[in-house]
PDB file of N, CA and C in Angstrom:
ATOM      1  N   MET A   1     -85.724-164.760 -63.350  1.00  0.00           N
ATOM      2  CA  MET A   1     -85.691-163.268 -63.392  1.00  0.00           C
ATOM      3  C   MET A   1     -86.280-162.536 -62.347  1.00  0.00           C
ATOM      4  N   VAL A   2     -85.851-161.348 -61.982  1.00  0.00           N
ATOM      5  CA  VAL A   2     -86.377-160.718 -60.791  1.00  0.00           C
ATOM      6  C   VAL A   2     -86.623-159.259 -61.551  1.00  0.00           C
ATOM      7  N   ASP A   3     -87.205-158.496 -60.590  1.00  0.00           N
ATOM      8  CA  ASP A   3     -87.520-157.230 -61.023  1.00  0.00           C
ATOM      9  C   ASP A   3     -86.398-156.164 -60.681  1.00  0.00           C
ATOM     10  N   LEU A   4     -85.668-156.004 -59.857  1.00  0.00           N
ATOM     11  CA  LEU A   4     -84.708-155.196 -59.599  1.00  0.00           C
ATOM     12  C   LEU A   4     -83.481-155.893 -58.775  1.00  0.00           C
ATOM     13  N   CYS A   5     -82.263-155.733 -59.222  1.00  0.00           N
ATOM     14  CA  CYS A   5     -81.276-156.500 -58.599  1.00  0.00           C
ATOM     15  C   CYS A   5     -80.051-155.440 -58.584  1.00  0.00           C
ATOM     16  N   TRP A   6     -79.355-155.563 -57.516  1.00  0.00           N
ATOM     17  CA  TRP A   6     -77.866-155.194 -57.464  1.00  0.00           C
ATOM     18  C   TRP A   6     -77.029-156.197 -57.117  1.00  0.00           C
ATOM     19  N   GLU A   7     -76.426-156.651 -58.173  1.00  0.00           N
ATOM     20  CA  GLU A   7     -75.745-157.878 -57.957  1.00  0.00           C
ATOM     21  C   GLU A   7     -74.449-158.009 -57.003  1.00  0.00           C
ATOM     22  N   GLU A   8     -73.860-156.897 -57.143  1.00  0.00           N
ATOM     23  CA  GLU A   8     -72.490-156.667 -56.158  1.00  0.00           C
ATOM     24  C   GLU A   8     -72.983-156.742 -54.664  1.00  0.00           C
ATOM     25  N   GLN A   9     -74.133-156.037 -54.296  1.00  0.00           N
ATOM     26  CA  GLN A   9     -74.503-155.932 -53.043  1.00  0.00           C
ATOM     27  C   GLN A   9     -75.559-157.057 -52.585  1.00  0.00           C
ATOM     28  N   ARG A  10     -75.783-157.996 -53.651  1.00  0.00           N
ATOM     29  CA  ARG A  10     -76.620-159.140 -53.410  1.00  0.00           C
ATOM     30  C   ARG A  10     -77.995-158.716 -53.014  1.00  0.00           C
ATOM     31  N   ILE A  11     -78.756-157.823 -53.687  1.00  0.00           N
ATOM     32  CA  ILE A  11     -79.914-157.223 -53.217  1.00  0.00           C
ATOM     33  C   ILE A  11     -80.787-157.544 -54.358  1.00  0.00           C
ATOM     34  N   VAL A  12     -82.174-158.124 -54.092  1.00  0.00           N
ATOM     35  CA  VAL A  12     -83.202-158.271 -54.900  1.00  0.00           C
ATOM     36  C   VAL A  12     -84.525-157.705 -54.497  1.00  0.00           C
ATOM     37  N   LEU A  13     -85.113-156.758 -55.404  1.00  0.00           N
ATOM     38  CA  LEU A  13     -86.303-156.079 -54.781  1.00  0.00           C
ATOM     39  C   LEU A  13     -87.312-157.074 -55.673  1.00  0.00           C
ATOM     40  N   GLU A  14     -88.433-157.354 -55.367  1.00  0.00           N
ATOM     41  CA  GLU A  14     -89.205-157.967 -56.210  1.00  0.00           C
ATOM     42  C   GLU A  14     -90.674-157.266 -55.754  1.00  0.00           C
ATOM     43  N   TYR A  15     -91.413-156.682 -57.003  1.00  0.00           N
ATOM     44  CA  TYR A  15     -92.801-156.253 -56.918  1.00  0.00           C
ATOM     45  C   TYR A  15     -93.753-157.041 -57.035  1.00  0.00           C
ATOM     46  N   ASP A  16     -94.457-157.319 -55.864  1.00  0.00           N
ATOM     47  CA  ASP A  16     -95.609-158.444 -56.068  1.00  0.00           C
ATOM     48  C   ASP A  16     -96.853-157.607 -56.320  1.00  0.00           C
ATOM     49  N   SER A  17     -97.386-157.442 -57.582  1.00  0.00           N
ATOM     50  CA  SER A  17     -98.538-156.986 -57.870  1.00  0.00           C
ATOM     51  C   SER A  17     -99.697-157.800 -57.412  1.00  0.00           C
ATOM     52  N   TYR A  18    -100.704-157.053 -57.242  1.00  0.00           N
ATOM     53  CA  TYR A  18    -101.880-157.882 -56.769  1.00  0.00           C
ATOM     54  C   TYR A  18    -102.535-158.773 -58.016  1.00  0.00           C
ATOM     55  N   LEU A  19    -102.182-157.900 -59.027  1.00  0.00           N
ATOM     56  CA  LEU A  19    -102.924-158.732 -60.324  1.00  0.00           C
ATOM     57  C   LEU A  19    -101.997-160.072 -60.680  1.00  0.00           C
ATOM     58  N   TRP A  20    -100.862-160.009 -60.688  1.00  0.00           N
ATOM     59  CA  TRP A  20     -99.976-161.158 -60.819  1.00  0.00           C
ATOM     60  C   TRP A  20    -100.110-162.205 -59.924  1.00  0.00           C
ATOM     61  N   HIS A  21    -100.358-161.988 -58.634  1.00  0.00           N
ATOM     62  CA  HIS A  21    -100.213-162.917 -57.648  1.00  0.00           C
ATOM     63  C   HIS A  21    -101.707-163.314 -57.159  1.00  0.00           C
ATOM     64  N   SER A  22    -102.551-163.337 -58.173  1.00  0.00           N
ATOM     65  CA  SER A  22    -103.915-163.899 -57.871  1.00  0.00           C
ATOM     66  C   SER A  22    -104.164-165.219 -57.917  1.00  0.00           C
ATOM     67  N   SER A  23    -102.749-166.030 -58.154  1.00  0.00           N
ATOM     68  CA  SER A  23    -103.318-167.387 -58.291  1.00  0.00           C
ATOM     69  C   SER A  23    -102.167-168.056 -57.395  1.00  0.00           C
ATOM     70  N   ALA A  24    -102.577-169.367 -56.747  1.00  0.00           N
ATOM     71  CA  ALA A  24    -101.775-169.900 -55.974  1.00  0.00           C
ATOM     72  C   ALA A  24    -100.306-170.442 -56.685  1.00  0.00           C
ATOM     73  N   ARG A  25    -100.566-170.658 -57.932  1.00  0.00           N
ATOM     74  CA  ARG A  25     -98.938-170.894 -58.639  1.00  0.00           C
ATOM     75  C   ARG A  25     -98.212-169.710 -58.748  1.00  0.00           C
ATOM     76  N   ALA A  26     -98.696-168.674 -58.887  1.00  0.00           N
ATOM     77  CA  ALA A  26     -97.700-167.524 -58.952  1.00  0.00           C
ATOM     78  C   ALA A  26     -97.079-167.146 -57.682  1.00  0.00           C
ATOM     79  N   VAL A  27     -97.943-167.215 -56.663  1.00  0.00           N
ATOM     80  CA  VAL A  27     -97.255-167.210 -55.289  1.00  0.00           C
ATOM     81  C   VAL A  27     -96.213-168.079 -55.000  1.00  0.00           C
ATOM     82  N   ASP A  28     -96.595-169.293 -55.145  1.00  0.00           N
ATOM     83  CA  ASP A  28     -95.712-170.526 -55.153  1.00  0.00           C
ATOM     84  C   ASP A  28     -94.347-170.310 -55.978  1.00  0.00           C
ATOM     85  N   SER A  29     -94.571-169.979 -57.128  1.00  0.00           N
ATOM     86  CA  SER A  29     -93.164-169.669 -58.064  1.00  0.00           C
ATOM     87  C   SER A  29     -92.181-168.723 -57.515  1.00  0.00           C
ATOM     88  N   ASP A  30     -92.909-167.657 -57.087  1.00  0.00           N
ATOM     89  CA  ASP A  30     -92.193-166.518 -56.556  1.00  0.00           C
ATOM     90  C   ASP A  30     -91.574-166.819 -55.186  1.00  0.00           C
ATOM     91  N   SER A  31     -92.270-167.416 -54.310  1.00  0.00           N
ATOM     92  CA  SER A  31     -91.743-167.791 -52.922  1.00  0.00           C
ATOM     93  C   SER A  31     -90.799-168.680 -52.988  1.00  0.00           C
ATOM     94  N   THR A  32     -90.707-169.705 -54.005  1.00  0.00           N
ATOM     95  CA  THR A  32     -89.682-170.848 -54.249  1.00  0.00           C
ATOM     96  C   THR A  32     -88.387-170.180 -54.786  1.00  0.00           C
ATOM     97  N   ARG A  33     -88.593-169.168 -55.663  1.00  0.00           N
ATOM     98  CA  ARG A  33     -87.400-168.823 -56.180  1.00  0.00           C
ATOM     99  C   ARG A  33     -86.595-167.699 -55.133  1.00  0.00           C
ATOM    100  N   ASN A  34     -87.500-166.828 -54.207  1.00  0.00           N
ATOM    101  CA  ASN A  34     -86.987-165.892 -53.286  1.00  0.00           C
ATOM    102  C   ASN A  34     -86.137-166.733 -52.219  1.00  0.00           C
ATOM    103  N   GLU A  35     -86.970-167.969 -51.784  1.00  0.00           N
ATOM    104  CA  GLU A  35     -86.250-168.683 -50.876  1.00  0.00           C
ATOM    105  C   GLU A  35     -84.917-169.366 -51.582  1.00  0.00           C
ATOM    106  N   GLY A  36     -84.869-169.575 -52.660  1.00  0.00           N
ATOM    107  CA  GLY A  36     -83.354-170.022 -53.068  1.00  0.00           C
ATOM    108  C   GLY A  36     -82.523-169.142 -53.194  1.00  0.00           C
ATOM    109  N   LEU A  37     -82.876-167.835 -53.462  1.00  0.00           N
ATOM    110  CA  LEU A  37     -81.891-166.735 -53.410  1.00  0.00           C
ATOM    111  C   LEU A  37     -81.567-166.220 -51.941  1.00  0.00           C
ATOM    112  N   ARG A  38     -82.531-166.479 -51.226  1.00  0.00           N
ATOM    113  CA  ARG A  38     -81.935-166.220 -49.802  1.00  0.00           C
ATOM    114  C   ARG A  38     -80.988-167.170 -49.212  1.00  0.00           C
ATOM    115  N   ASP A  39     -81.211-168.542 -49.411  1.00  0.00           N
ATOM    116  CA  ASP A  39     -80.456-169.667 -49.292  1.00  0.00           C
ATOM    117  C   ASP A  39     -78.778-169.309 -49.825  1.00  0.00           C
ATOM    118  N   GLN A  40     -78.642-168.518 -50.800  1.00  0.00           N
ATOM    119  CA  GLN A  40     -77.509-168.237 -51.535  1.00  0.00           C
ATOM    120  C   GLN A  40     -76.943-166.823 -50.756  1.00  0.00           C
ATOM    121  N   GLY A  41     -77.651-166.379 -49.857  1.00  0.00           N
ATOM    122  CA  GLY A  41     -77.190-165.290 -49.157  1.00  0.00           C
ATOM    123  C   GLY A  41     -77.574-163.956 -49.891  1.00  0.00           C
ATOM    124  N   TRP A  42     -78.620-163.968 -50.726  1.00  0.00           N
ATOM    125  CA  TRP A  42     -79.313-162.742 -50.879  1.00  0.00           C
ATOM    126  C   TRP A  42     -80.116-161.932 -50.167  1.00  0.00           C
ATOM    127  N   MET A  43     -80.168-160.672 -50.048  1.00  0.00           N
ATOM    128  CA  MET A  43     -81.193-160.083 -49.532  1.00  0.00           C
ATOM    129  C   MET A  43     -82.425-159.871 -50.424  1.00  0.00           C
ATOM    130  N   VAL A  44     -83.507-160.529 -49.921  1.00  0.00           N
ATOM    131  CA  VAL A  44     -84.606-160.444 -51.037  1.00  0.00           C
ATOM    132  C   VAL A  44     -85.917-159.788 -50.255  1.00  0.00           C
ATOM    133  N   ARG A  45     -86.291-158.711 -50.989  1.00  0.00           N
ATOM    134  CA  ARG A  45     -87.536-158.097 -50.431  1.00  0.00           C
ATOM    135  C   ARG A  45     -88.731-157.992 -51.359  1.00  0.00           C
ATOM    136  N   SER A  46     -89.641-158.514 -50.778  1.00  0.00           N
ATOM    137  CA  SER A  46     -90.819-158.443 -51.698  1.00  0.00           C
ATOM    138  C   SER A  46     -91.708-157.263 -51.276  1.00  0.00           C
ATOM    139  N   ILE A  47     -92.136-156.505 -52.344  1.00  0.00           N
ATOM    140  CA  ILE A  47     -92.769-155.138 -52.244  1.00  0.00           C
ATOM    141  C   ILE A  47     -94.252-155.057 -52.967  1.00  0.00           C
ATOM    142  N   THR A  48     -95.299-154.545 -52.207  1.00  0.00           N
ATOM    143  CA  THR A  48     -96.434-154.333 -52.719  1.00  0.00           C
ATOM    144  C   THR A  48     -96.664-152.937 -52.975  1.00  0.00           C
ATOM    145  N   ALA A  49     -97.819-152.791 -53.593  1.00  0.00           N
ATOM    146  CA  ALA A  49     -98.215-151.110 -53.904  1.00  0.00           C
ATOM    147  C   ALA A  49     -98.659-150.616 -52.134  1.00  0.00           C
ATOM    148  N   GLY A  50     -99.262-151.464 -51.655  1.00  0.00           N
ATOM    149  CA  GLY A  50     -99.599-150.742 -50.177  1.00  0.00           C
ATOM    150  C   GLY A  50     -98.227-150.518 -49.554  1.00  0.00           C
ATOM    151  N   MET A  51     -97.299-151.275 -49.556  1.00  0.00           N
ATOM    152  CA  MET A  51     -95.865-151.045 -48.947  1.00  0.00           C
ATOM    153  C   MET A  51     -95.413-149.950 -49.363  1.00  0.00           C
ATOM    154  N   LEU A  52     -95.425-149.548 -50.622  1.00  0.00           N
ATOM    155  CA  LEU A  52     -94.900-148.437 -51.274  1.00  0.00           C
ATOM    156  C   LEU A  52     -95.496-147.108 -50.970  1.00  0.00           C
ATOM    157  N   ALA A  53     -96.975-147.394 -50.866  1.00  0.00           N
ATOM    158  CA  ALA A  53     -97.847-145.942 -50.559  1.00  0.00           C
ATOM    159  C   ALA A  53     -97.822-145.655 -49.131  1.00  0.00           C
ATOM    160  N   ASN A  54     -97.209-146.698 -48.247  1.00  0.00           N
ATOM    161  CA  ASN A  54     -97.197-146.156 -46.727  1.00  0.00           C
ATOM    162  C   ASN A  54     -95.692-145.751 -46.718  1.00  0.00           C
ATOM    163  N   ASP A  55     -95.649-144.501 -46.259  1.00  0.00           N
ATOM    164  CA  ASP A  55     -94.436-143.622 -46.255  1.00  0.00           C
ATOM    165  C   ASP A  55     -93.498-144.423 -45.205  1.00  0.00           C
ATOM    166  N   ALA A  56     -93.883-144.874 -43.903  1.00  0.00           N
ATOM    167  CA  ALA A  56     -93.046-145.335 -43.134  1.00  0.00           C
ATOM    168  C   ALA A  56     -92.377-146.731 -43.631  1.00  0.00           C
ATOM    169  N   MET A  57     -93.580-147.666 -44.038  1.00  0.00           N
ATOM    170  CA  MET A  57     -92.769-148.858 -44.432  1.00  0.00           C
ATOM    171  C   MET A  57     -91.837-148.542 -45.714  1.00  0.00           C
ATOM    172  N   ARG A  58     -92.060-147.767 -46.589  1.00  0.00           N
ATOM    173  CA  ARG A  58     -91.059-147.540 -47.702  1.00  0.00           C
ATOM    174  C   ARG A  58     -89.957-146.871 -47.166  1.00  0.00           C
ATOM    175  N   ARG A  59     -89.977-146.150 -46.201  1.00  0.00           N
ATOM    176  CA  ARG A  59     -88.506-145.571 -45.373  1.00  0.00           C
ATOM    177  C   ARG A  59     -87.749-146.792 -44.921  1.00  0.00           C
ATOM    178  N   HIS A  60     -88.601-147.591 -44.270  1.00  0.00           N
ATOM    179  CA  HIS A  60     -87.838-148.825 -43.608  1.00  0.00           C
ATOM    180  C   HIS A  60     -87.086-149.736 -44.604  1.00  0.00           C
ATOM    181  N   LEU A  61     -87.942-149.880 -45.697  1.00  0.00           N
ATOM    182  CA  LEU A  61     -87.427-150.711 -47.005  1.00  0.00           C
ATOM    183  C   LEU A  61     -86.171-150.038 -47.488  1.00  0.00           C
ATOM    184  N   VAL A  62     -86.168-148.742 -47.953  1.00  0.00           N
ATOM    185  CA  VAL A  62     -85.134-147.924 -48.584  1.00  0.00           C
ATOM    186  C   VAL A  62     -83.899-147.983 -47.578  1.00  0.00           C
ATOM    187  N   SER A  63     -84.396-147.987 -46.263  1.00  0.00           N
ATOM    188  CA  SER A  63     -83.062-147.909 -45.261  1.00  0.00           C
ATOM    189  C   SER A  63     -82.292-149.218 -45.196  1.00  0.00           C
ATOM    190  N   GLN A  64     -83.039-150.226 -45.283  1.00  0.00           N
ATOM    191  CA  GLN A  64     -82.413-151.595 -45.136  1.00  0.00           C
ATOM    192  C   GLN A  64     -81.766-151.776 -46.531  1.00  0.00           C
ATOM    193  N   VAL A  65     -81.927-151.300 -47.793  1.00  0.00           N
ATOM    194  CA  VAL A  65     -81.204-151.293 -48.909  1.00  0.00           C
ATOM    195  C   VAL A  65     -80.014-150.520 -48.955  1.00  0.00           C
ATOM    196  N   MET A  66     -80.213-149.287 -48.317  1.00  0.00           N
ATOM    197  CA  MET A  66     -79.029-148.328 -48.503  1.00  0.00           C
ATOM    198  C   MET A  66     -77.995-148.967 -47.362  1.00  0.00           C
ATOM    199  N   GLN A  67     -78.288-149.605 -46.303  1.00  0.00           N
ATOM    200  CA  GLN A  67     -77.517-150.207 -45.297  1.00  0.00           C
ATOM    201  C   GLN A  67     -76.648-151.184 -46.061  1.00  0.00           C
ATOM    202  N   ARG A  68     -76.964-152.022 -47.079  1.00  0.00           N
ATOM    203  CA  ARG A  68     -76.172-152.924 -47.676  1.00  0.00           C
ATOM    204  C   ARG A  68     -75.259-152.266 -48.653  1.00  0.00           C
ATOM    205  N   PHE A  69     -75.474-151.031 -49.115  1.00  0.00           N
ATOM    206  CA  PHE A  69     -74.465-150.147 -49.790  1.00  0.00           C
ATOM    207  C   PHE A  69     -73.451-149.255 -48.826  1.00  0.00           C
ATOM    208  N   GLY A  70     -73.672-149.692 -47.501  1.00  0.00           N
ATOM    209  CA  GLY A  70     -72.817-148.964 -46.699  1.00  0.00           C
ATOM    210  C   GLY A  70     -73.294-147.472 -46.400  1.00  0.00           C
ATOM    211  N   ARG A  71     -74.339-147.197 -46.612  1.00  0.00           N
ATOM    212  CA  ARG A  71     -74.981-145.799 -46.608  1.00  0.00           C
ATOM    213  C   ARG A  71     -76.046-145.558 -45.721  1.00  0.00           C
ATOM    214  N   ALA A  72     -76.336-144.529 -45.169  1.00  0.00           N
ATOM    215  CA  ALA A  72     -77.442-144.163 -44.407  1.00  0.00           C
ATOM    216  C   ALA A  72     -78.567-143.312 -45.096  1.00  0.00           C
ATOM    217  N   LEU A  73     -79.746-143.646 -44.689  1.00  0.00           N
ATOM    218  CA  LEU A  73     -80.956-142.951 -45.335  1.00  0.00           C
ATOM    219  C   LEU A  73     -80.718-141.439 -44.919  1.00  0.00           C
ATOM    220  N   PRO A  74     -80.850-140.458 -45.728  1.00  0.00           N
ATOM    221  CA  PRO A  74     -80.789-139.106 -45.430  1.00  0.00           C
ATOM    222  C   PRO A  74     -82.021-138.823 -44.645  1.00  0.00           C
ATOM    223  N   ASN A  75     -81.981-137.984 -43.550  1.00  0.00           N
ATOM    224  CA  ASN A  75     -82.924-137.403 -42.703  1.00  0.00           C
ATOM    225  C   ASN A  75     -83.115-136.039 -43.180  1.00  0.00           C
ATOM    226  N   ASP A  76     -83.848-136.075 -44.260  1.00  0.00           N
ATOM    227  CA  ASP A  76     -84.099-134.906 -44.942  1.00  0.00           C
ATOM    228  C   ASP A  76     -85.385-134.853 -45.570  1.00  0.00           C
ATOM    229  N   GLU A  77     -86.355-133.872 -45.365  1.00  0.00           N
ATOM    230  CA  GLU A  77     -87.907-133.884 -45.606  1.00  0.00           C
ATOM    231  C   GLU A  77     -87.880-133.800 -47.212  1.00  0.00           C
ATOM    232  N   ARG A  78     -86.916-133.127 -47.802  1.00  0.00           N
ATOM    233  CA  ARG A  78     -86.973-132.970 -49.166  1.00  0.00           C
ATOM    234  C   ARG A  78     -86.986-134.229 -49.941  1.00  0.00           C
ATOM    235  N   PHE A  79     -85.976-135.012 -49.487  1.00  0.00           N
ATOM    236  CA  PHE A  79     -85.995-136.448 -50.048  1.00  0.00           C
ATOM    237  C   PHE A  79     -87.152-137.131 -49.671  1.00  0.00           C
ATOM    238  N   ASP A  80     -87.749-137.208 -48.528  1.00  0.00           N
ATOM    239  CA  ASP A  80     -88.868-137.935 -48.305  1.00  0.00           C
ATOM    240  C   ASP A  80     -89.887-137.563 -49.042  1.00  0.00           C
ATOM    241  N   ARG A  81     -90.113-136.217 -49.352  1.00  0.00           N
ATOM    242  CA  ARG A  81     -91.338-135.788 -50.190  1.00  0.00           C
ATOM    243  C   ARG A  81     -90.978-136.172 -51.841  1.00  0.00           C
ATOM    244  N   LEU A  82     -89.702-136.152 -52.096  1.00  0.00           N
ATOM    245  CA  LEU A  82     -89.524-136.448 -53.561  1.00  0.00           C
ATOM    246  C   LEU A  82     -89.955-137.975 -53.698  1.00  0.00           C
ATOM    247  N   GLN A  83     -89.387-138.904 -52.803  1.00  0.00           N
ATOM    248  CA  GLN A  83     -89.640-140.306 -52.700  1.00  0.00           C
ATOM    249  C   GLN A  83     -91.160-140.440 -52.727  1.00  0.00           C
ATOM    250  N   HIS A  84     -92.116-139.828 -51.935  1.00  0.00           N
ATOM    251  CA  HIS A  84     -93.117-140.087 -51.932  1.00  0.00           C
ATOM    252  C   HIS A  84     -94.217-139.710 -53.347  1.00  0.00           C
ATOM    253  N   ASP A  85     -93.736-138.579 -53.722  1.00  0.00           N
ATOM    254  CA  ASP A  85     -94.016-138.108 -54.964  1.00  0.00           C
ATOM    255  C   ASP A  85     -93.877-139.007 -56.250  1.00  0.00           C
ATOM    256  N   LEU A  86     -92.749-139.446 -56.323  1.00  0.00           N
ATOM    257  CA  LEU A  86     -92.261-140.669 -57.084  1.00  0.00           C
ATOM    258  C   LEU A  86     -93.096-141.955 -57.175  1.00  0.00           C
ATOM    259  N   VAL A  87     -93.241-142.332 -55.984  1.00  0.00           N
ATOM    260  CA  VAL A  87     -93.958-143.465 -55.724  1.00  0.00           C
ATOM    261  C   VAL A  87     -95.423-143.157 -56.170  1.00  0.00           C
ATOM    262  N   GLN A  88     -95.968-142.061 -55.885  1.00  0.00           N
ATOM    263  CA  GLN A  88     -97.383-141.882 -55.936  1.00  0.00           C
ATOM    264  C   GLN A  88     -97.515-141.659 -57.381  1.00  0.00           C
ATOM    265  N   THR A  89     -96.650-141.377 -58.297  1.00  0.00           N
ATOM    266  CA  THR A  89     -96.616-141.034 -60.008  1.00  0.00           C
ATOM    267  C   THR A  89     -96.649-142.616 -60.474  1.00  0.00           C
ATOM    268  N   LEU A  90     -95.640-143.252 -59.893  1.00  0.00           N
ATOM    269  CA  LEU A  90     -95.675-144.777 -60.585  1.00  0.00           C
ATOM    270  C   LEU A  90     -96.855-145.597 -60.175  1.00  0.00           C
ATOM    271  N   LEU A  91     -97.337-145.236 -59.143  1.00  0.00           N
ATOM    272  CA  LEU A  91     -98.616-146.200 -58.623  1.00  0.00           C
ATOM    273  C   LEU A  91     -99.770-145.932 -59.567  1.00  0.00           C
ATOM    274  N   ARG A  92     -99.846-144.672 -59.935  1.00  0.00           N
ATOM    275  CA  ARG A  92    -101.077-144.169 -60.663  1.00  0.00           C
ATOM    276  C   ARG A  92    -100.943-144.853 -62.175  1.00  0.00           C
ATOM    277  N   ASN A  93     -99.963-145.140 -62.605  1.00  0.00           N
ATOM    278  CA  ASN A  93     -99.562-145.523 -64.154  1.00  0.00           C
ATOM    279  C   ASN A  93     -99.664-147.000 -64.130  1.00  0.00           C
TER     280      ASN A  93
END
């Protein structure tokens, strides 16, 4: 089971929470699954709260995912602000 998946584009996003990944067993389990998916041609990106909170890192990740859809990341400050605000709201909850 994965967190987010776009099957047609073969993209998986995994949210690696600090709480869940506090044990070696959890890290090993996720790493084993992710490597198996990569071996099968999937783009697997592991994401942490710190990465999402960092605007430059998040923008890079979104750009990579959008490229798999054949789309470019909008060069639009409004888009960036909305994305930033959404992530901040999600991370607070």
